[in-house]
Amino acid sequence: MGTITHDAMPSFLLECVVWNTHDSHFGYSTYQDMTKAVVTKIWQDMGNYENHNQYAEVSDLKWLFRGGKWTPQQVKTFLENAWSYFGF
């Protein structure tokens, strides 16, 4: 399996999308269940304009997908690879 380049999924972008996930998605008894819940929620949000348009940077001062630096499709592609890697 290859590596993920910084251009494909910058760590800051990953940090931000996870930060935007509600705390309830982290309340599982295993890391596997928690990871599956977080990845699923982010995946769903990236396919819904109203949801992903509300994602903000961790500082909560800038919107994550308003401005063209990153795209929801970029996140979805990463999540597809992560889903496969984790064997979900």
C-alpha atoms as a PDB file:
ATOM      1  CA  MET A   1       0.000   0.000   0.000  1.00  0.00           C
ATOM      2  CA  GLY A   2       1.316   3.449  -0.857  1.00  0.00           C
ATOM      3  CA  THR A   3       1.688   6.504   1.257  1.00  0.00           C
ATOM      4  CA  ILE A   4      -0.562   9.507   1.568  1.00  0.00           C
ATOM      5  CA  THR A   5       1.052  12.660   0.274  1.00  0.00           C
ATOM      6  CA  HIS A   6       0.672  15.993   2.016  1.00  0.00           C
ATOM      7  CA  ASP A   7      -1.140  17.338  -1.042  1.00  0.00           C
ATOM      8  CA  ALA A   8      -3.682  14.514  -0.915  1.00  0.00           C
ATOM      9  CA  MET A   9      -4.607  14.929   2.760  1.00  0.00           C
ATOM     10  CA  PRO A  10      -2.755  17.514   4.815  1.00  0.00           C
ATOM     11  CA  SER A  11      -2.681  16.652   8.512  1.00  0.00           C
ATOM     12  CA  PHE A  12      -4.310  19.991   9.355  1.00  0.00           C
ATOM     13  CA  LEU A  13      -7.258  19.177   7.099  1.00  0.00           C
ATOM     14  CA  LEU A  14      -7.643  15.777   8.758  1.00  0.00           C
ATOM     15  CA  GLU A  15      -7.455  17.407  12.196  1.00  0.00           C
ATOM     16  CA  CYS A  16     -10.144  19.894  11.209  1.00  0.00           C
ATOM     17  CA  VAL A  17     -12.634  17.404   9.798  1.00  0.00           C
ATOM     18  CA  VAL A  18     -12.292  15.210  12.877  1.00  0.00           C
ATOM     19  CA  TRP A  19     -12.637  18.272  15.142  1.00  0.00           C
ATOM     20  CA  ASN A  20     -15.964  19.055  13.439  1.00  0.00           C
ATOM     21  CA  THR A  21     -17.353  15.649  14.361  1.00  0.00           C
ATOM     22  CA  HIS A  22     -19.738  15.679  17.319  1.00  0.00           C
ATOM     23  CA  ASP A  23     -18.433  14.196  20.581  1.00  0.00           C
ATOM     24  CA  SER A  24     -21.095  11.477  20.506  1.00  0.00           C
ATOM     25  CA  HIS A  25     -19.189   9.749  17.685  1.00  0.00           C
ATOM     26  CA  PHE A  26     -16.283   9.177  20.076  1.00  0.00           C
ATOM     27  CA  GLY A  27     -18.322   7.403  22.761  1.00  0.00           C
ATOM     28  CA  TYR A  28     -17.718   3.808  21.686  1.00  0.00           C
ATOM     29  CA  SER A  29     -16.023   1.119  23.737  1.00  0.00           C
ATOM     30  CA  THR A  30     -13.432   0.189  21.096  1.00  0.00           C
ATOM     31  CA  TYR A  31     -11.173   2.272  18.878  1.00  0.00           C
ATOM     32  CA  GLN A  32     -12.432   0.308  15.883  1.00  0.00           C
ATOM     33  CA  ASP A  33     -16.074   1.202  16.550  1.00  0.00           C
ATOM     34  CA  MET A  34     -15.153   4.808  17.279  1.00  0.00           C
ATOM     35  CA  THR A  35     -13.080   5.122  14.111  1.00  0.00           C
ATOM     36  CA  LYS A  36     -15.865   3.587  12.040  1.00  0.00           C
ATOM     37  CA  ALA A  37     -18.412   6.024  13.504  1.00  0.00           C
ATOM     38  CA  VAL A  38     -16.206   9.073  12.903  1.00  0.00           C
ATOM     39  CA  VAL A  39     -15.271   8.061   9.352  1.00  0.00           C
ATOM     40  CA  THR A  40     -18.917   7.297   8.519  1.00  0.00           C
ATOM     41  CA  LYS A  41     -20.140  10.640   9.875  1.00  0.00           C
ATOM     42  CA  ILE A  42     -17.506  12.644   8.025  1.00  0.00           C
ATOM     43  CA  TRP A  43     -18.203  10.672   4.818  1.00  0.00           C
ATOM     44  CA  GLN A  44     -21.915  11.474   5.087  1.00  0.00           C
ATOM     45  CA  ASP A  45     -21.215  15.140   5.746  1.00  0.00           C
ATOM     46  CA  MET A  46     -18.879  15.443   2.767  1.00  0.00           C
ATOM     47  CA  GLY A  47     -21.726  14.324   0.517  1.00  0.00           C
ATOM     48  CA  ASN A  48     -24.127  16.911   1.916  1.00  0.00           C
ATOM     49  CA  TYR A  49     -23.493  20.538   0.935  1.00  0.00           C
ATOM     50  CA  GLU A  50     -25.329  22.020   3.905  1.00  0.00           C
ATOM     51  CA  ASN A  51     -23.326  19.891   6.339  1.00  0.00           C
ATOM     52  CA  HIS A  52     -19.826  20.208   4.903  1.00  0.00           C
ATOM     53  CA  ASN A  53     -20.310  23.907   4.269  1.00  0.00           C
ATOM     54  CA  GLN A  54     -20.550  24.351   8.067  1.00  0.00           C
ATOM     55  CA  TYR A  55     -17.158  22.720   8.743  1.00  0.00           C
ATOM     56  CA  ALA A  56     -14.669  25.156  10.243  1.00  0.00           C
ATOM     57  CA  GLU A  57     -10.983  25.146  11.057  1.00  0.00           C
ATOM     58  CA  VAL A  58     -10.067  24.143  14.613  1.00  0.00           C
ATOM     59  CA  SER A  59      -9.736  27.817  15.574  1.00  0.00           C
ATOM     60  CA  ASP A  60     -13.389  28.218  14.560  1.00  0.00           C
ATOM     61  CA  LEU A  61     -12.361  31.446  12.821  1.00  0.00           C
ATOM     62  CA  LYS A  62     -12.343  30.245   9.199  1.00  0.00           C
ATOM     63  CA  TRP A  63     -14.567  28.002   7.145  1.00  0.00           C
ATOM     64  CA  LEU A  64     -12.876  24.843   5.951  1.00  0.00           C
ATOM     65  CA  PHE A  65     -14.430  24.453   2.494  1.00  0.00           C
ATOM     66  CA  ARG A  66     -15.325  28.016   1.629  1.00  0.00           C
ATOM     67  CA  GLY A  67     -12.485  29.487  -0.335  1.00  0.00           C
ATOM     68  CA  GLY A  68     -11.214  26.682  -2.513  1.00  0.00           C
ATOM     69  CA  LYS A  69      -8.127  25.580  -0.587  1.00  0.00           C
ATOM     70  CA  TRP A  70      -9.595  22.123   0.072  1.00  0.00           C
ATOM     71  CA  THR A  71     -12.604  20.215  -1.191  1.00  0.00           C
ATOM     72  CA  PRO A  72     -15.054  17.736   0.303  1.00  0.00           C
ATOM     73  CA  GLN A  73     -14.130  15.340  -2.520  1.00  0.00           C
ATOM     74  CA  GLN A  74     -10.515  15.398  -1.331  1.00  0.00           C
ATOM     75  CA  VAL A  75     -11.696  14.267   2.100  1.00  0.00           C
ATOM     76  CA  LYS A  76     -14.009  11.617   0.627  1.00  0.00           C
ATOM     77  CA  THR A  77     -11.143  10.143  -1.396  1.00  0.00           C
ATOM     78  CA  PHE A  78      -8.992   9.936   1.722  1.00  0.00           C
ATOM     79  CA  LEU A  79     -11.841   8.326   3.669  1.00  0.00           C
ATOM     80  CA  GLU A  80     -12.378   5.717   0.948  1.00  0.00           C
ATOM     81  CA  ASN A  81      -8.722   4.744   1.252  1.00  0.00           C
ATOM     82  CA  ALA A  82      -8.854   4.761   5.056  1.00  0.00           C
ATOM     83  CA  TRP A  83     -12.019   2.615   5.044  1.00  0.00           C
ATOM     84  CA  SER A  84     -10.306   0.079   2.831  1.00  0.00           C
ATOM     85  CA  TYR A  85      -7.085   0.165   4.863  1.00  0.00           C
ATOM     86  CA  PHE A  86      -8.928  -0.455   8.124  1.00  0.00           C
ATOM     87  CA  GLY A  87     -10.875  -3.297   6.517  1.00  0.00           C
ATOM     88  CA  PHE A  88     -14.326  -1.979   7.390  1.00  0.00           C
END
